[in-house]
């Protein structure tokens, strides 16, 4: 696991993991605001035409980003410049297979490593098809981060965990991002089950919108992922988004740090 990822989950409090879409608004300023607000780890979304796992807020962000002409090269440039400004903050690219493998997995892994990326979440490459990207990422020193869901049963969980590094992302609802939140009891039960099966940190996302929700999850999980609520602020406030992102991130961070 990258030392930056390890450090994010070695703090005396659960990690706040924040997500925004690359190329949507002033991405550099938005990323800086997340760091200033207290984000421990940042996921940078790679815009794609058919983001099947994402709800309306992130779908709209993808459309705005692609409409502004964002390319994979631009995403990597954003990542590279972020790493220069923030040498210690872990950065994970999150997206879909097509932009990651169309020029070959080795090219993508090498370019991501050169940009200072710590991990990659590819939503639509299942563990059974790890060869499509996983070996190239691991060879480049990048963590392939896997998703577990409420439908990941005991028979399939070992496949999800095999070859996964960095952290395990638990998708707390069987649906798309931003639309609903799982019952807290179901999250607690799932985290307990997952932590019994792996030493990887478990971060919980999908449907987490408020500091209060984040705090409840932080009492049982190693990390809390917040995406749609932040992406909505970018869509609503445009170039003025950084101050709003900083405010919400700070509130989330404060609740998470005192949750236990």
Foldseek 3Di string as FASTA:
>chain_A
DDPLLVVQLPDPFFAEEEEAEPQQFPVLLQVVLLVLLPHQAYEYEYQDQCQPQADDLVNVSSVNRVVSPDAPVSVLVSLLVSCVVPVRRAYEYEEADCSCQVVHLLVNLQSNLNSVHAEYEHPPQFLVNCVRHLVSNVVSNHFYEFEDEPPCDPVRVVSRPVSGDSAHEYEDDPGHAPDAGHDLVSLLVVLVVVVVVDVGFYEYEGNDAALVSLLSNRVRGNYYYDYSNLSVLCVVPRNPSSVVSSVRSNSNNVSRRPSD
